[in-house]
Amino acid sequence: MIKEFEKRLLSSLILIPIAIFFIIQGSVFFTFFLSILFLVTSYEWFKMNKKNNLFKILGIFFLSFSFYGAFKIRDEYNFKLFLFIVIICIFTDIGGYIFGKIFKGPRLTKISPKKTYAGVVGSFLLSLIAGLIFINYFNKDSIKLNTEVFLLIFIILLISFVSQIGDLVISYFKRKAKLKDTGKIIPGHGGLLDRIDGLIFVFPVIFVLDSIIKFIK
């Protein structure tokens, strides 16, 4: 567990600052960054579903919409919202991994044998803590103990929930393809799709919800 955790930690310490740089820079830098991510995840998806052409096509359509949603969210708002979503998803993964390893307990589903109920609790807990700290740091005067806080908590938990669903969906396809990881590009993590499986589901959901709210208004 220690060696695996060290690999994951080292990879994260290298990759997270790079990702944050492109997110903050925006413009051409961010477009280039998203393009690379799209190409790599598409390749991993094709490889994972090489025997099923229908899944290949549907997956590419979904990834295209997901990355488009990510681009629009970063383009229409400042980098803080995008970074907020990324941080919640990161700590959802961290919480699930740490709590699952420490507390173990009953498994959540056969789709992903390593997922436990303790991991789910850890995912919600750490993502909530990270999200509230992030908002407090960037908006010290805007969040008070009123309905805004409850709405914020709901949004954080919703993002964490969708992220965990995304993780399970990709785990299902990995299990179907009899693969442990979607790739080997990130030491300790596996493939890129392994790491952003939650994000690729969160961004289209947030984008659609935002579009619906704007339409209603």
Protein backbone atom coordinates (compact mmCIF):
# COMPACT_ATOMS: atom_id res chain seq x y z
CA MET A 1 0.00 0.00 0.00
CA ILE A 2 2.82 2.42 0.93
CA LYS A 3 4.71 2.00 -2.36
CA GLU A 4 1.52 2.38 -4.39
CA PHE A 5 0.55 5.46 -2.38
CA GLU A 6 4.02 6.98 -2.88
CA LYS A 7 3.74 6.53 -6.66
CA ARG A 8 0.28 8.10 -6.68
CA LEU A 9 1.45 10.98 -4.49
CA LEU A 10 4.56 11.69 -6.57
CA SER A 11 2.60 11.60 -9.83
CA SER A 12 -0.02 13.92 -8.37
CA LEU A 13 2.59 16.39 -7.11
CA ILE A 14 3.98 16.63 -10.64
CA LEU A 15 0.77 16.59 -12.67
CA ILE A 16 -1.57 18.74 -10.55
CA PRO A 17 0.57 21.93 -10.74
CA ILE A 18 0.90 21.46 -14.51
CA ALA A 19 -2.87 21.08 -14.87
CA ILE A 20 -3.51 24.12 -12.66
CA PHE A 21 -1.10 26.18 -14.80
CA PHE A 22 -3.07 25.46 -17.99
CA ILE A 23 -6.40 26.00 -16.25
CA ILE A 24 -5.37 29.41 -14.92
CA GLN A 25 -3.73 30.51 -18.18
CA GLY A 26 -6.84 29.76 -20.24
CA SER A 27 -6.94 30.88 -23.88
CA VAL A 28 -4.76 28.89 -26.31
CA PHE A 29 -2.93 27.16 -23.47
CA PHE A 30 -6.12 25.70 -22.05
CA THR A 31 -7.43 24.69 -25.49
CA PHE A 32 -4.15 22.90 -26.18
CA PHE A 33 -4.32 21.19 -22.78
CA LEU A 34 -7.90 19.97 -23.34
CA SER A 35 -7.02 18.77 -26.85
CA ILE A 36 -4.20 16.59 -25.50
CA LEU A 37 -6.47 15.17 -22.80
CA PHE A 38 -9.18 14.45 -25.35
CA LEU A 39 -6.81 12.64 -27.70
CA VAL A 40 -5.29 10.50 -24.94
CA THR A 41 -8.63 9.56 -23.35
CA SER A 42 -10.11 8.79 -26.77
CA TYR A 43 -7.18 6.49 -27.54
CA GLU A 44 -7.62 4.70 -24.19
CA TRP A 45 -11.36 4.38 -24.78
CA PHE A 46 -10.80 2.93 -28.26
CA LYS A 47 -8.26 0.49 -26.90
CA MET A 48 -10.54 -0.57 -24.05
CA ASN A 49 -13.49 -1.14 -26.41
CA LYS A 50 -11.61 -2.43 -29.44
CA LYS A 51 -14.12 -5.26 -29.92
CA ASN A 52 -17.23 -3.11 -29.77
CA ASN A 53 -17.65 -0.46 -32.48
CA LEU A 54 -20.91 0.86 -31.02
CA PHE A 55 -19.27 1.63 -27.67
CA LYS A 56 -16.37 3.25 -29.52
CA ILE A 57 -18.66 5.65 -31.37
CA LEU A 58 -20.90 6.43 -28.38
CA GLY A 59 -17.84 6.96 -26.19
CA ILE A 60 -16.27 9.44 -28.61
CA PHE A 61 -19.52 11.40 -28.82
CA PHE A 62 -19.71 11.49 -25.03
CA LEU A 63 -16.05 12.51 -24.62
CA SER A 64 -16.51 15.25 -27.24
CA PHE A 65 -19.52 16.65 -25.37
CA SER A 66 -17.72 16.30 -22.03
CA PHE A 67 -14.65 18.24 -23.15
CA TYR A 68 -16.85 20.81 -24.87
CA GLY A 69 -18.68 21.30 -21.57
CA ALA A 70 -15.34 21.67 -19.78
CA PHE A 71 -14.22 24.28 -22.33
CA LYS A 72 -17.45 26.28 -22.05
CA ILE A 73 -17.37 26.27 -18.25
CA ARG A 74 -13.79 27.60 -18.24
CA ASP A 75 -14.54 30.02 -21.10
CA GLU A 76 -17.74 31.56 -19.70
CA TYR A 77 -16.60 31.78 -16.08
CA ASN A 78 -13.24 32.54 -14.50
CA PHE A 79 -10.82 29.74 -13.71
CA LYS A 80 -12.03 29.54 -10.09
CA LEU A 81 -15.22 27.61 -10.92
CA PHE A 82 -13.32 25.17 -13.11
CA LEU A 83 -10.66 24.72 -10.44
CA PHE A 84 -13.39 24.31 -7.81
CA ILE A 85 -14.86 21.37 -9.75
CA VAL A 86 -11.44 19.79 -10.32
CA ILE A 87 -10.50 20.04 -6.63
CA ILE A 88 -13.76 18.43 -5.49
CA CYS A 89 -13.21 15.53 -7.91
CA ILE A 90 -9.58 15.13 -6.80
CA PHE A 91 -10.52 14.98 -3.14
CA THR A 92 -13.40 12.64 -3.95
CA ASP A 93 -10.79 10.22 -5.32
CA ILE A 94 -8.40 10.80 -2.41
CA GLY A 95 -11.14 10.34 0.20
CA GLY A 96 -12.35 7.14 -1.42
CA TYR A 97 -8.84 5.74 -1.69
CA ILE A 98 -7.71 6.58 1.87
CA PHE A 99 -10.92 5.62 3.68
CA GLY A 100 -11.26 2.47 1.59
CA LYS A 101 -7.72 1.35 2.41
CA ILE A 102 -7.90 2.21 6.11
CA PHE A 103 -11.44 1.15 7.06
CA LYS A 104 -12.10 -1.43 4.33
CA GLY A 105 -15.51 -2.91 5.24
CA PRO A 106 -18.31 -4.11 2.93
CA ARG A 107 -17.81 -3.73 -0.80
CA LEU A 108 -20.03 -1.29 -2.62
CA THR A 109 -20.56 -3.23 -5.85
CA LYS A 110 -19.17 -6.11 -7.89
CA ILE A 111 -18.46 -3.68 -10.73
CA SER A 112 -15.47 -2.34 -8.83
CA PRO A 113 -14.38 -4.75 -6.05
CA LYS A 114 -12.07 -2.17 -4.42
CA LYS A 115 -14.92 0.30 -3.85
CA THR A 116 -16.33 0.18 -0.32
CA TYR A 117 -19.02 2.02 1.62
CA ALA A 118 -16.27 3.49 3.78
CA GLY A 119 -14.69 4.85 0.62
CA VAL A 120 -17.96 6.50 -0.39
CA VAL A 121 -18.18 8.23 2.99
CA GLY A 122 -14.56 9.32 2.70
CA SER A 123 -15.18 10.68 -0.79
CA PHE A 124 -18.09 12.83 0.37
CA LEU A 125 -16.32 13.96 3.52
CA LEU A 126 -13.00 15.03 2.00
CA SER A 127 -14.61 16.63 -1.04
CA LEU A 128 -16.92 18.62 1.24
CA ILE A 129 -14.03 19.82 3.41
CA ALA A 130 -11.90 20.72 0.38
CA GLY A 131 -14.78 22.50 -1.36
CA LEU A 132 -15.68 24.61 1.68
CA ILE A 133 -12.04 25.55 2.29
CA PHE A 134 -11.65 26.53 -1.37
CA ILE A 135 -14.77 28.74 -1.33
CA ASN A 136 -13.77 30.30 1.99
CA TYR A 137 -10.31 31.10 0.61
CA PHE A 138 -11.52 32.72 -2.62
CA ASN A 139 -14.78 34.23 -1.33
CA LYS A 140 -14.21 35.13 2.28
CA ASP A 141 -17.02 37.68 2.41
CA SER A 142 -19.59 36.04 0.14
CA ILE A 143 -20.43 32.86 2.05
CA LYS A 144 -22.34 33.24 5.30
CA LEU A 145 -24.34 30.91 7.51
CA ASN A 146 -27.53 31.11 5.47
CA THR A 147 -29.17 29.35 2.54
CA GLU A 148 -26.04 29.95 0.42
CA VAL A 149 -24.11 27.50 2.58
CA PHE A 150 -26.72 24.76 2.20
CA LEU A 151 -26.82 25.32 -1.56
CA LEU A 152 -23.02 25.16 -1.68
CA ILE A 153 -22.98 21.92 0.30
CA PHE A 154 -25.56 20.45 -2.07
CA ILE A 155 -23.48 21.43 -5.11
CA ILE A 156 -20.30 19.94 -3.63
CA LEU A 157 -22.03 16.67 -2.75
CA LEU A 158 -23.68 16.56 -6.18
CA ILE A 159 -20.30 16.97 -7.92
CA SER A 160 -18.77 14.31 -5.67
CA PHE A 161 -21.68 11.95 -6.33
CA VAL A 162 -21.50 12.33 -10.12
CA SER A 163 -17.72 11.90 -9.95
CA GLN A 164 -18.14 8.60 -8.10
CA ILE A 165 -20.75 7.45 -10.63
CA GLY A 166 -18.28 8.25 -13.41
CA ASP A 167 -15.66 6.18 -11.65
CA LEU A 168 -18.04 3.22 -11.47
CA VAL A 169 -19.05 3.53 -15.14
CA ILE A 170 -15.43 3.42 -16.32
CA SER A 171 -14.77 0.57 -13.88
CA TYR A 172 -17.64 -1.34 -15.50
CA PHE A 173 -16.08 -0.99 -18.95
CA LYS A 174 -12.65 -1.96 -17.60
CA ARG A 175 -14.14 -5.05 -16.02
CA LYS A 176 -15.97 -5.84 -19.25
CA ALA A 177 -12.67 -5.55 -21.16
CA LYS A 178 -10.85 -7.50 -18.41
CA LEU A 179 -8.44 -4.63 -17.76
CA LYS A 180 -7.04 -3.39 -14.46
CA ASP A 181 -6.33 0.10 -15.81
CA THR A 182 -7.24 2.04 -18.95
CA GLY A 183 -3.52 2.61 -19.61
CA LYS A 184 -0.09 3.00 -18.05
CA ILE A 185 0.68 6.64 -18.77
CA ILE A 186 0.58 7.79 -15.11
CA PRO A 187 2.69 5.80 -12.59
CA GLY A 188 0.60 4.63 -9.65
CA HIS A 189 -2.62 5.76 -11.31
CA GLY A 190 -2.85 3.84 -14.57
CA GLY A 191 -4.30 5.58 -17.59
CA LEU A 192 -5.47 9.14 -17.98
CA LEU A 193 -9.05 7.93 -18.21
CA ASP A 194 -8.57 6.25 -14.82
CA ARG A 195 -7.80 9.62 -13.29
CA ILE A 196 -10.34 11.88 -14.95
CA ASP A 197 -13.21 9.38 -15.10
CA GLY A 198 -15.16 11.46 -12.58
CA LEU A 199 -14.43 14.77 -14.28
CA ILE A 200 -15.62 13.66 -17.70
CA PHE A 201 -19.03 12.98 -16.17
CA VAL A 202 -19.16 16.04 -13.91
CA PHE A 203 -18.45 18.65 -16.59
CA PRO A 204 -21.34 17.73 -18.93
CA VAL A 205 -23.73 17.51 -15.96
CA ILE A 206 -22.72 20.97 -14.69
CA PHE A 207 -22.82 22.38 -18.22
CA VAL A 208 -26.34 21.03 -18.85
CA LEU A 209 -27.62 22.23 -15.46
CA ASP A 210 -26.14 25.67 -16.05
CA SER A 211 -27.75 25.82 -19.52
CA ILE A 212 -31.15 24.84 -18.07
CA ILE A 213 -30.91 27.49 -15.34
CA LYS A 214 -29.97 30.16 -17.90
CA PHE A 215 -32.89 29.09 -20.13
CA ILE A 216 -35.38 29.28 -17.23
CA LYS A 217 -34.13 32.73 -16.25
